[in-house]
Amino acid sequence: MAERDWEQFHTPKNLAMALSGEVGELLELFQWLTPEQSSAVMADPGRAQRVREEAADVLAYLLRFSDVLGIDLEQALIEKIAANRAKYPVHLARGRADKYTELGD
């Protein structure tokens, strides 16, 4: 990155947009697949390679975005899991895909 002088372009806005674009490229690989086909996507070597490459691009941009903003991703994930535990108590959410506002009490 430094050798190409690209750091000047790595603003939070640009990185968030690039991340979104890479996620779109990953999604494109799954567009129109049935649930069964999407579960078996890694069985096709060519498609598996493309999935790995797009997943790596997503990770690279997420890591760079987090670095630029000083986000500790591990800590952020720990906090988010705790928040989701509170929003989605097991006794209400087990086996359901409903949003927390639809779970009731």
PDB file of N, CA and C in Angstrom:
ATOM      1  N   MET A   1       0.813  -1.177   0.000  1.00  0.00           N
ATOM      2  CA  MET A   1       0.000   0.000   0.000  1.00  0.00           C
ATOM      3  C   MET A   1       0.866   1.252   0.000  1.00  0.00           C
ATOM      4  N   ALA A   2       1.787   1.356   0.929  1.00  0.00           N
ATOM      5  CA  ALA A   2       2.658   2.532   0.988  1.00  0.00           C
ATOM      6  C   ALA A   2       3.498   2.646  -0.280  1.00  0.00           C
ATOM      7  N   GLU A   3       3.917   1.511  -0.809  1.00  0.00           N
ATOM      8  CA  GLU A   3       4.759   1.547  -2.009  1.00  0.00           C
ATOM      9  C   GLU A   3       4.009   2.103  -3.219  1.00  0.00           C
ATOM     10  N   ARG A   4       2.678   2.035  -3.191  1.00  0.00           N
ATOM     11  CA  ARG A   4       1.874   2.559  -4.294  1.00  0.00           C
ATOM     12  C   ARG A   4       1.277   3.932  -3.955  1.00  0.00           C
ATOM     13  N   ASP A   5       1.524   4.432  -2.743  1.00  0.00           N
ATOM     14  CA  ASP A   5       0.985   5.709  -2.272  1.00  0.00           C
ATOM     15  C   ASP A   5      -0.546   5.707  -2.300  1.00  0.00           C
ATOM     16  N   TRP A   6      -1.141   4.600  -1.879  1.00  0.00           N
ATOM     17  CA  TRP A   6      -2.594   4.489  -1.870  1.00  0.00           C
ATOM     18  C   TRP A   6      -3.209   4.931  -0.550  1.00  0.00           C
ATOM     19  N   GLU A   7      -2.400   5.101   0.473  1.00  0.00           N
ATOM     20  CA  GLU A   7      -2.947   5.475   1.778  1.00  0.00           C
ATOM     21  C   GLU A   7      -3.746   6.772   1.702  1.00  0.00           C
ATOM     22  N   GLN A   8      -3.368   7.670   0.806  1.00  0.00           N
ATOM     23  CA  GLN A   8      -4.079   8.938   0.661  1.00  0.00           C
ATOM     24  C   GLN A   8      -5.546   8.732   0.276  1.00  0.00           C
ATOM     25  N   PHE A   9      -5.857   7.612  -0.336  1.00  0.00           N
ATOM     26  CA  PHE A   9      -7.222   7.330  -0.765  1.00  0.00           C
ATOM     27  C   PHE A   9      -8.027   6.559   0.292  1.00  0.00           C
ATOM     28  N   HIS A  10      -7.358   6.129   1.351  1.00  0.00           N
ATOM     29  CA  HIS A  10      -8.005   5.265   2.340  1.00  0.00           C
ATOM     30  C   HIS A  10      -8.675   6.070   3.441  1.00  0.00           C
ATOM     31  N   THR A  11      -9.620   6.891   3.031  1.00  0.00           N
ATOM     32  CA  THR A  11     -10.449   7.616   3.998  1.00  0.00           C
ATOM     33  C   THR A  11     -11.560   6.680   4.457  1.00  0.00           C
ATOM     34  N   PRO A  12     -12.151   6.927   5.606  1.00  0.00           N
ATOM     35  CA  PRO A  12     -13.249   6.055   6.042  1.00  0.00           C
ATOM     36  C   PRO A  12     -14.356   5.931   4.992  1.00  0.00           C
ATOM     37  N   LYS A  13     -14.734   7.053   4.362  1.00  0.00           N
ATOM     38  CA  LYS A  13     -15.778   7.017   3.338  1.00  0.00           C
ATOM     39  C   LYS A  13     -15.380   6.118   2.175  1.00  0.00           C
ATOM     40  N   ASN A  14     -14.180   6.315   1.650  1.00  0.00           N
ATOM     41  CA  ASN A  14     -13.734   5.521   0.508  1.00  0.00           C
ATOM     42  C   ASN A  14     -13.631   4.044   0.862  1.00  0.00           C
ATOM     43  N   LEU A  15     -13.138   3.761   2.049  1.00  0.00           N
ATOM     44  CA  LEU A  15     -13.006   2.363   2.459  1.00  0.00           C
ATOM     45  C   LEU A  15     -14.370   1.714   2.669  1.00  0.00           C
ATOM     46  N   ALA A  16     -15.329   2.448   3.242  1.00  0.00           N
ATOM     47  CA  ALA A  16     -16.676   1.904   3.425  1.00  0.00           C
ATOM     48  C   ALA A  16     -17.314   1.626   2.063  1.00  0.00           C
ATOM     49  N   MET A  17     -17.104   2.534   1.115  1.00  0.00           N
ATOM     50  CA  MET A  17     -17.655   2.324  -0.223  1.00  0.00           C
ATOM     51  C   MET A  17     -16.991   1.133  -0.912  1.00  0.00           C
ATOM     52  N   ALA A  18     -15.682   1.016  -0.780  1.00  0.00           N
ATOM     53  CA  ALA A  18     -14.964  -0.111  -1.378  1.00  0.00           C
ATOM     54  C   ALA A  18     -15.416  -1.424  -0.750  1.00  0.00           C
ATOM     55  N   LEU A  19     -15.614  -1.410   0.560  1.00  0.00           N
ATOM     56  CA  LEU A  19     -16.092  -2.603   1.260  1.00  0.00           C
ATOM     57  C   LEU A  19     -17.457  -3.012   0.732  1.00  0.00           C
ATOM     58  N   SER A  20     -18.331  -2.048   0.571  1.00  0.00           N
ATOM     59  CA  SER A  20     -19.661  -2.333   0.034  1.00  0.00           C
ATOM     60  C   SER A  20     -19.567  -2.932  -1.371  1.00  0.00           C
ATOM     61  N   GLY A  21     -18.686  -2.379  -2.183  1.00  0.00           N
ATOM     62  CA  GLY A  21     -18.505  -2.904  -3.532  1.00  0.00           C
ATOM     63  C   GLY A  21     -18.018  -4.338  -3.533  1.00  0.00           C
ATOM     64  N   GLU A  22     -17.078  -4.634  -2.652  1.00  0.00           N
ATOM     65  CA  GLU A  22     -16.554  -6.004  -2.575  1.00  0.00           C
ATOM     66  C   GLU A  22     -17.610  -6.972  -2.058  1.00  0.00           C
ATOM     67  N   VAL A  23     -18.415  -6.533  -1.104  1.00  0.00           N
ATOM     68  CA  VAL A  23     -19.512  -7.381  -0.626  1.00  0.00           C
ATOM     69  C   VAL A  23     -20.473  -7.647  -1.780  1.00  0.00           C
ATOM     70  N   GLY A  24     -20.724  -6.630  -2.599  1.00  0.00           N
ATOM     71  CA  GLY A  24     -21.575  -6.813  -3.774  1.00  0.00           C
ATOM     72  C   GLY A  24     -21.006  -7.853  -4.728  1.00  0.00           C
ATOM     73  N   GLU A  25     -19.689  -7.832  -4.918  1.00  0.00           N
ATOM     74  CA  GLU A  25     -19.065  -8.824  -5.792  1.00  0.00           C
ATOM     75  C   GLU A  25     -19.192 -10.234  -5.209  1.00  0.00           C
ATOM     76  N   LEU A  26     -19.100 -10.338  -3.901  1.00  0.00           N
ATOM     77  CA  LEU A  26     -19.300 -11.635  -3.247  1.00  0.00           C
ATOM     78  C   LEU A  26     -20.751 -12.093  -3.415  1.00  0.00           C
ATOM     79  N   LEU A  27     -21.671 -11.177  -3.205  1.00  0.00           N
ATOM     80  CA  LEU A  27     -23.085 -11.516  -3.357  1.00  0.00           C
ATOM     81  C   LEU A  27     -23.418 -11.960  -4.770  1.00  0.00           C
ATOM     82  N   GLU A  28     -22.778 -11.336  -5.739  1.00  0.00           N
ATOM     83  CA  GLU A  28     -23.037 -11.682  -7.132  1.00  0.00           C
ATOM     84  C   GLU A  28     -22.758 -13.163  -7.409  1.00  0.00           C
ATOM     85  N   LEU A  29     -21.784 -13.718  -6.710  1.00  0.00           N
ATOM     86  CA  LEU A  29     -21.456 -15.140  -6.908  1.00  0.00           C
ATOM     87  C   LEU A  29     -22.573 -16.056  -6.414  1.00  0.00           C
ATOM     88  N   PHE A  30     -23.429 -15.555  -5.526  1.00  0.00           N
ATOM     89  CA  PHE A  30     -24.505 -16.361  -4.952  1.00  0.00           C
ATOM     90  C   PHE A  30     -25.876 -16.018  -5.537  1.00  0.00           C
ATOM     91  N   GLN A  31     -25.910 -14.935  -6.309  1.00  0.00           N
ATOM     92  CA  GLN A  31     -27.177 -14.508  -6.886  1.00  0.00           C
ATOM     93  C   GLN A  31     -27.742 -15.619  -7.756  1.00  0.00           C
ATOM     94  N   TRP A  32     -28.998 -15.879  -7.577  1.00  0.00           N
ATOM     95  CA  TRP A  32     -29.770 -16.850  -8.351  1.00  0.00           C
ATOM     96  C   TRP A  32     -29.492 -18.303  -7.980  1.00  0.00           C
ATOM     97  N   LEU A  33     -28.589 -18.557  -7.044  1.00  0.00           N
ATOM     98  CA  LEU A  33     -28.373 -19.941  -6.610  1.00  0.00           C
ATOM     99  C   LEU A  33     -29.500 -20.363  -5.676  1.00  0.00           C
ATOM    100  N   THR A  34     -29.853 -21.622  -5.738  1.00  0.00           N
ATOM    101  CA  THR A  34     -30.804 -22.152  -4.768  1.00  0.00           C
ATOM    102  C   THR A  34     -30.081 -22.283  -3.425  1.00  0.00           C
ATOM    103  N   PRO A  35     -30.815 -22.449  -2.329  1.00  0.00           N
ATOM    104  CA  PRO A  35     -30.147 -22.674  -1.045  1.00  0.00           C
ATOM    105  C   PRO A  35     -29.194 -23.872  -1.091  1.00  0.00           C
ATOM    106  N   GLU A  36     -29.594 -24.911  -1.791  1.00  0.00           N
ATOM    107  CA  GLU A  36     -28.753 -26.102  -1.898  1.00  0.00           C
ATOM    108  C   GLU A  36     -27.481 -25.805  -2.685  1.00  0.00           C
ATOM    109  N   GLN A  37     -27.618 -25.093  -3.791  1.00  0.00           N
ATOM    110  CA  GLN A  37     -26.453 -24.733  -4.592  1.00  0.00           C
ATOM    111  C   GLN A  37     -25.507 -23.820  -3.810  1.00  0.00           C
ATOM    112  N   SER A  38     -26.069 -22.893  -3.050  1.00  0.00           N
ATOM    113  CA  SER A  38     -25.205 -21.988  -2.278  1.00  0.00           C
ATOM    114  C   SER A  38     -24.450 -22.738  -1.186  1.00  0.00           C
ATOM    115  N   SER A  39     -25.072 -23.751  -0.625  1.00  0.00           N
ATOM    116  CA  SER A  39     -24.391 -24.549   0.400  1.00  0.00           C
ATOM    117  C   SER A  39     -23.265 -25.388  -0.185  1.00  0.00           C
ATOM    118  N   ALA A  40     -23.374 -25.725  -1.467  1.00  0.00           N
ATOM    119  CA  ALA A  40     -22.379 -26.576  -2.130  1.00  0.00           C
ATOM    120  C   ALA A  40     -21.402 -25.775  -2.988  1.00  0.00           C
ATOM    121  N   VAL A  41     -21.384 -24.457  -2.847  1.00  0.00           N
ATOM    122  CA  VAL A  41     -20.608 -23.607  -3.744  1.00  0.00           C
ATOM    123  C   VAL A  41     -19.113 -23.935  -3.740  1.00  0.00           C
ATOM    124  N   MET A  42     -18.590 -24.397  -2.631  1.00  0.00           N
ATOM    125  CA  MET A  42     -17.156 -24.667  -2.538  1.00  0.00           C
ATOM    126  C   MET A  42     -16.767 -25.988  -3.194  1.00  0.00           C
ATOM    127  N   ALA A  43     -17.750 -26.762  -3.647  1.00  0.00           N
ATOM    128  CA  ALA A  43     -17.451 -28.027  -4.322  1.00  0.00           C
ATOM    129  C   ALA A  43     -16.945 -27.806  -5.744  1.00  0.00           C
ATOM    130  N   ASP A  44     -17.256 -26.671  -6.327  1.00  0.00           N
ATOM    131  CA  ASP A  44     -16.789 -26.340  -7.670  1.00  0.00           C
ATOM    132  C   ASP A  44     -15.495 -25.551  -7.525  1.00  0.00           C
ATOM    133  N   PRO A  45     -14.362 -26.105  -7.955  1.00  0.00           N
ATOM    134  CA  PRO A  45     -13.067 -25.450  -7.728  1.00  0.00           C
ATOM    135  C   PRO A  45     -12.986 -24.018  -8.264  1.00  0.00           C
ATOM    136  N   GLY A  46     -13.510 -23.765  -9.434  1.00  0.00           N
ATOM    137  CA  GLY A  46     -13.452 -22.427 -10.008  1.00  0.00           C
ATOM    138  C   GLY A  46     -14.273 -21.432  -9.221  1.00  0.00           C
ATOM    139  N   ARG A  47     -15.484 -21.825  -8.894  1.00  0.00           N
ATOM    140  CA  ARG A  47     -16.352 -20.944  -8.109  1.00  0.00           C
ATOM    141  C   ARG A  47     -15.792 -20.766  -6.705  1.00  0.00           C
ATOM    142  N   ALA A  48     -15.258 -21.829  -6.140  1.00  0.00           N
ATOM    143  CA  ALA A  48     -14.669 -21.749  -4.803  1.00  0.00           C
ATOM    144  C   ALA A  48     -13.525 -20.736  -4.774  1.00  0.00           C
ATOM    145  N   GLN A  49     -12.716 -20.722  -5.807  1.00  0.00           N
ATOM    146  CA  GLN A  49     -11.612 -19.767  -5.881  1.00  0.00           C
ATOM    147  C   GLN A  49     -12.133 -18.331  -5.918  1.00  0.00           C
ATOM    148  N   ARG A  50     -13.175 -18.107  -6.692  1.00  0.00           N
ATOM    149  CA  ARG A  50     -13.746 -16.762  -6.780  1.00  0.00           C
ATOM    150  C   ARG A  50     -14.346 -16.344  -5.436  1.00  0.00           C
ATOM    151  N   VAL A  51     -15.006 -17.269  -4.743  1.00  0.00           N
ATOM    152  CA  VAL A  51     -15.571 -16.967  -3.416  1.00  0.00           C
ATOM    153  C   VAL A  51     -14.446 -16.614  -2.445  1.00  0.00           C
ATOM    154  N   ARG A  52     -13.372 -17.399  -2.450  1.00  0.00           N
ATOM    155  CA  ARG A  52     -12.235 -17.113  -1.559  1.00  0.00           C
ATOM    156  C   ARG A  52     -11.652 -15.733  -1.847  1.00  0.00           C
ATOM    157  N   GLU A  53     -11.493 -15.414  -3.125  1.00  0.00           N
ATOM    158  CA  GLU A  53     -10.909 -14.121  -3.493  1.00  0.00           C
ATOM    159  C   GLU A  53     -11.790 -12.960  -3.050  1.00  0.00           C
ATOM    160  N   GLU A  54     -13.090 -13.075  -3.265  1.00  0.00           N
ATOM    161  CA  GLU A  54     -13.991 -11.987  -2.858  1.00  0.00           C
ATOM    162  C   GLU A  54     -14.083 -11.891  -1.342  1.00  0.00           C
ATOM    163  N   ALA A  55     -14.097 -13.023  -0.644  1.00  0.00           N
ATOM    164  CA  ALA A  55     -14.110 -12.991   0.819  1.00  0.00           C
ATOM    165  C   ALA A  55     -12.835 -12.333   1.348  1.00  0.00           C
ATOM    166  N   ALA A  56     -11.714 -12.615   0.712  1.00  0.00           N
ATOM    167  CA  ALA A  56     -10.446 -11.991   1.114  1.00  0.00           C
ATOM    168  C   ALA A  56     -10.488 -10.483   0.874  1.00  0.00           C
ATOM    169  N   ASP A  57     -11.074 -10.055  -0.254  1.00  0.00           N
ATOM    170  CA  ASP A  57     -11.208  -8.622  -0.517  1.00  0.00           C
ATOM    171  C   ASP A  57     -12.067  -7.947   0.546  1.00  0.00           C
ATOM    172  N   VAL A  58     -13.173  -8.587   0.914  1.00  0.00           N
ATOM    173  CA  VAL A  58     -14.048  -8.044   1.955  1.00  0.00           C
ATOM    174  C   VAL A  58     -13.274  -7.904   3.265  1.00  0.00           C
ATOM    175  N   LEU A  59     -12.557  -8.952   3.636  1.00  0.00           N
ATOM    176  CA  LEU A  59     -11.786  -8.914   4.877  1.00  0.00           C
ATOM    177  C   LEU A  59     -10.716  -7.837   4.839  1.00  0.00           C
ATOM    178  N   ALA A  60     -10.029  -7.715   3.720  1.00  0.00           N
ATOM    179  CA  ALA A  60      -8.965  -6.719   3.603  1.00  0.00           C
ATOM    180  C   ALA A  60      -9.512  -5.310   3.803  1.00  0.00           C
ATOM    181  N   TYR A  61     -10.628  -5.001   3.153  1.00  0.00           N
ATOM    182  CA  TYR A  61     -11.198  -3.664   3.304  1.00  0.00           C
ATOM    183  C   TYR A  61     -11.757  -3.450   4.706  1.00  0.00           C
ATOM    184  N   LEU A  62     -12.358  -4.470   5.306  1.00  0.00           N
ATOM    185  CA  LEU A  62     -12.863  -4.322   6.676  1.00  0.00           C
ATOM    186  C   LEU A  62     -11.719  -4.077   7.652  1.00  0.00           C
ATOM    187  N   LEU A  63     -10.628  -4.822   7.493  1.00  0.00           N
ATOM    188  CA  LEU A  63      -9.473  -4.624   8.370  1.00  0.00           C
ATOM    189  C   LEU A  63      -8.870  -3.234   8.192  1.00  0.00           C
ATOM    190  N   ARG A  64      -8.751  -2.788   6.964  1.00  0.00           N
ATOM    191  CA  ARG A  64      -8.188  -1.458   6.718  1.00  0.00           C
ATOM    192  C   ARG A  64      -9.106  -0.363   7.247  1.00  0.00           C
ATOM    193  N   PHE A  65     -10.394  -0.495   7.022  1.00  0.00           N
ATOM    194  CA  PHE A  65     -11.389   0.444   7.542  1.00  0.00           C
ATOM    195  C   PHE A  65     -11.280   0.552   9.059  1.00  0.00           C
ATOM    196  N   SER A  66     -11.213  -0.599   9.718  1.00  0.00           N
ATOM    197  CA  SER A  66     -11.110  -0.634  11.178  1.00  0.00           C
ATOM    198  C   SER A  66      -9.805  -0.020  11.653  1.00  0.00           C
ATOM    199  N   ASP A  67      -8.735  -0.280  10.941  1.00  0.00           N
ATOM    200  CA  ASP A  67      -7.437   0.286  11.299  1.00  0.00           C
ATOM    201  C   ASP A  67      -7.462   1.812  11.196  1.00  0.00           C
ATOM    202  N   VAL A  68      -8.002   2.329  10.105  1.00  0.00           N
ATOM    203  CA  VAL A  68      -8.042   3.781   9.903  1.00  0.00           C
ATOM    204  C   VAL A  68      -8.862   4.466  10.999  1.00  0.00           C
ATOM    205  N   LEU A  69      -9.947   3.822  11.426  1.00  0.00           N
ATOM    206  CA  LEU A  69     -10.809   4.432  12.443  1.00  0.00           C
ATOM    207  C   LEU A  69     -10.445   4.035  13.874  1.00  0.00           C
ATOM    208  N   GLY A  70      -9.455   3.178  14.027  1.00  0.00           N
ATOM    209  CA  GLY A  70      -9.045   2.765  15.368  1.00  0.00           C
ATOM    210  C   GLY A  70     -10.042   1.842  16.049  1.00  0.00           C
ATOM    211  N   ILE A  71     -10.738   1.040  15.269  1.00  0.00           N
ATOM    212  CA  ILE A  71     -11.713   0.093  15.819  1.00  0.00           C
ATOM    213  C   ILE A  71     -10.998  -1.210  16.162  1.00  0.00           C
ATOM    214  N   ASP A  72     -11.154  -1.654  17.392  1.00  0.00           N
ATOM    215  CA  ASP A  72     -10.666  -2.956  17.811  1.00  0.00           C
ATOM    216  C   ASP A  72     -11.765  -3.950  17.454  1.00  0.00           C
ATOM    217  N   LEU A  73     -11.595  -4.626  16.326  1.00  0.00           N
ATOM    218  CA  LEU A  73     -12.648  -5.510  15.829  1.00  0.00           C
ATOM    219  C   LEU A  73     -12.983  -6.633  16.803  1.00  0.00           C
ATOM    220  N   GLU A  74     -11.992  -7.189  17.442  1.00  0.00           N
ATOM    221  CA  GLU A  74     -12.267  -8.268  18.395  1.00  0.00           C
ATOM    222  C   GLU A  74     -13.151  -7.763  19.529  1.00  0.00           C
ATOM    223  N   GLN A  75     -12.821  -6.605  20.080  1.00  0.00           N
ATOM    224  CA  GLN A  75     -13.616  -6.041  21.167  1.00  0.00           C
ATOM    225  C   GLN A  75     -15.002  -5.650  20.681  1.00  0.00           C
ATOM    226  N   ALA A  76     -15.078  -5.079  19.483  1.00  0.00           N
ATOM    227  CA  ALA A  76     -16.377  -4.704  18.925  1.00  0.00           C
ATOM    228  C   ALA A  76     -17.269  -5.931  18.756  1.00  0.00           C
ATOM    229  N   LEU A  77     -16.687  -7.034  18.313  1.00  0.00           N
ATOM    230  CA  LEU A  77     -17.449  -8.265  18.151  1.00  0.00           C
ATOM    231  C   LEU A  77     -17.929  -8.800  19.497  1.00  0.00           C
ATOM    232  N   ILE A  78     -17.072  -8.794  20.487  1.00  0.00           N
ATOM    233  CA  ILE A  78     -17.453  -9.248  21.829  1.00  0.00           C
ATOM    234  C   ILE A  78     -18.636  -8.430  22.346  1.00  0.00           C
ATOM    235  N   GLU A  79     -18.552  -7.108  22.171  1.00  0.00           N
ATOM    236  CA  GLU A  79     -19.630  -6.228  22.627  1.00  0.00           C
ATOM    237  C   GLU A  79     -20.915  -6.468  21.841  1.00  0.00           C
ATOM    238  N   LYS A  80     -20.801  -6.697  20.550  1.00  0.00           N
ATOM    239  CA  LYS A  80     -21.982  -6.933  19.723  1.00  0.00           C
ATOM    240  C   LYS A  80     -22.656  -8.251  20.079  1.00  0.00           C
ATOM    241  N   ILE A  81     -21.870  -9.279  20.348  1.00  0.00           N
ATOM    242  CA  ILE A  81     -22.445 -10.564  20.760  1.00  0.00           C
ATOM    243  C   ILE A  81     -23.206 -10.406  22.069  1.00  0.00           C
ATOM    244  N   ALA A  82     -22.640  -9.660  22.997  1.00  0.00           N
ATOM    245  CA  ALA A  82     -23.318  -9.420  24.285  1.00  0.00           C
ATOM    246  C   ALA A  82     -24.626  -8.658  24.062  1.00  0.00           C
ATOM    247  N   ALA A  83     -24.601  -7.654  23.204  1.00  0.00           N
ATOM    248  CA  ALA A  83     -25.816  -6.888  22.915  1.00  0.00           C
ATOM    249  C   ALA A  83     -26.871  -7.778  22.271  1.00  0.00           C
ATOM    250  N   ASN A  84     -26.448  -8.658  21.360  1.00  0.00           N
ATOM    251  CA  ASN A  84     -27.404  -9.556  20.709  1.00  0.00           C
ATOM    252  C   ASN A  84     -27.981 -10.570  21.686  1.00  0.00           C
ATOM    253  N   ARG A  85     -27.185 -11.000  22.651  1.00  0.00           N
ATOM    254  CA  ARG A  85     -27.713 -11.907  23.683  1.00  0.00           C
ATOM    255  C   ARG A  85     -28.856 -11.246  24.436  1.00  0.00           C
ATOM    256  N   ALA A  86     -28.694  -9.965  24.740  1.00  0.00           N
ATOM    257  CA  ALA A  86     -29.739  -9.239  25.459  1.00  0.00           C
ATOM    258  C   ALA A  86     -30.971  -9.035  24.570  1.00  0.00           C
ATOM    259  N   LYS A  87     -30.764  -8.756  23.295  1.00  0.00           N
ATOM    260  CA  LYS A  87     -31.876  -8.515  22.369  1.00  0.00           C
ATOM    261  C   LYS A  87     -32.623  -9.791  22.007  1.00  0.00           C
ATOM    262  N   TYR A  88     -31.887 -10.889  21.956  1.00  0.00           N
ATOM    263  CA  TYR A  88     -32.453 -12.156  21.495  1.00  0.00           C
ATOM    264  C   TYR A  88     -32.298 -13.226  22.574  1.00  0.00           C
ATOM    265  N   PRO A  89     -33.074 -13.130  23.662  1.00  0.00           N
ATOM    266  CA  PRO A  89     -32.964 -14.151  24.709  1.00  0.00           C
ATOM    267  C   PRO A  89     -33.321 -15.535  24.149  1.00  0.00           C
ATOM    268  N   VAL A  90     -32.588 -16.523  24.591  1.00  0.00           N
ATOM    269  CA  VAL A  90     -32.766 -17.882  24.066  1.00  0.00           C
ATOM    270  C   VAL A  90     -34.215 -18.339  24.169  1.00  0.00           C
ATOM    271  N   HIS A  91     -34.851 -18.071  25.294  1.00  0.00           N
ATOM    272  CA  HIS A  91     -36.214 -18.571  25.481  1.00  0.00           C
ATOM    273  C   HIS A  91     -37.212 -17.942  24.508  1.00  0.00           C
ATOM    274  N   LEU A  92     -36.874 -16.815  23.911  1.00  0.00           N
ATOM    275  CA  LEU A  92     -37.754 -16.182  22.929  1.00  0.00           C
ATOM    276  C   LEU A  92     -37.292 -16.392  21.487  1.00  0.00           C
ATOM    277  N   ALA A  93     -36.000 -16.493  21.285  1.00  0.00           N
ATOM    278  CA  ALA A  93     -35.461 -16.465  19.928  1.00  0.00           C
ATOM    279  C   ALA A  93     -35.058 -17.825  19.366  1.00  0.00           C
ATOM    280  N   ARG A  94     -34.971 -18.835  20.185  1.00  0.00           N
ATOM    281  CA  ARG A  94     -34.488 -20.136  19.714  1.00  0.00           C
ATOM    282  C   ARG A  94     -35.303 -20.639  18.521  1.00  0.00           C
ATOM    283  N   GLY A  95     -34.609 -20.903  17.415  1.00  0.00           N
ATOM    284  CA  GLY A  95     -35.244 -21.457  16.229  1.00  0.00           C
ATOM    285  C   GLY A  95     -36.075 -20.470  15.432  1.00  0.00           C
ATOM    286  N   ARG A  96     -35.961 -19.182  15.748  1.00  0.00           N
ATOM    287  CA  ARG A  96     -36.753 -18.163  15.053  1.00  0.00           C
ATOM    288  C   ARG A  96     -35.840 -17.164  14.364  1.00  0.00           C
ATOM    289  N   ALA A  97     -36.265 -16.656  13.236  1.00  0.00           N
ATOM    290  CA  ALA A  97     -35.490 -15.661  12.500  1.00  0.00           C
ATOM    291  C   ALA A  97     -36.115 -14.273  12.610  1.00  0.00           C
ATOM    292  N   ASP A  98     -37.051 -14.117  13.539  1.00  0.00           N
ATOM    293  CA  ASP A  98     -37.729 -12.832  13.708  1.00  0.00           C
ATOM    294  C   ASP A  98     -36.793 -11.776  14.277  1.00  0.00           C
ATOM    295  N   LYS A  99     -37.035 -10.524  13.902  1.00  0.00           N
ATOM    296  CA  LYS A  99     -36.304  -9.408  14.482  1.00  0.00           C
ATOM    297  C   LYS A  99     -36.674  -9.304  15.965  1.00  0.00           C
ATOM    298  N   TYR A 100     -35.759  -8.799  16.762  1.00  0.00           N
ATOM    299  CA  TYR A 100     -35.971  -8.752  18.216  1.00  0.00           C
ATOM    300  C   TYR A 100     -37.244  -7.995  18.590  1.00  0.00           C
ATOM    301  N   THR A 101     -37.656  -7.042  17.782  1.00  0.00           N
ATOM    302  CA  THR A 101     -38.872  -6.286  18.087  1.00  0.00           C
ATOM    303  C   THR A 101     -40.140  -7.113  17.895  1.00  0.00           C
ATOM    304  N   GLU A 102     -40.012  -8.262  17.257  1.00  0.00           N
ATOM    305  CA  GLU A 102     -41.157  -9.127  16.993  1.00  0.00           C
ATOM    306  C   GLU A 102     -41.217 -10.363  17.906  1.00  0.00           C
ATOM    307  N   LEU A 103     -40.288 -10.472  18.851  1.00  0.00           N
ATOM    308  CA  LEU A 103     -40.216 -11.676  19.667  1.00  0.00           C
ATOM    309  C   LEU A 103     -41.223 -11.701  20.810  1.00  0.00           C
ATOM    310  N   GLY A 104     -41.680 -10.571  21.273  1.00  0.00           N
ATOM    311  CA  GLY A 104     -42.583 -10.540  22.413  1.00  0.00           C
ATOM    312  C   GLY A 104     -41.834 -10.730  23.712  1.00  0.00           C
ATOM    313  N   ASP A 105     -42.554 -10.879  24.790  1.00  0.00           N
ATOM    314  CA  ASP A 105     -41.921 -11.043  26.113  1.00  0.00           C
ATOM    315  C   ASP A 105     -42.158 -12.378  26.714  1.00  0.00           C
TER     316      ASP A 105
END
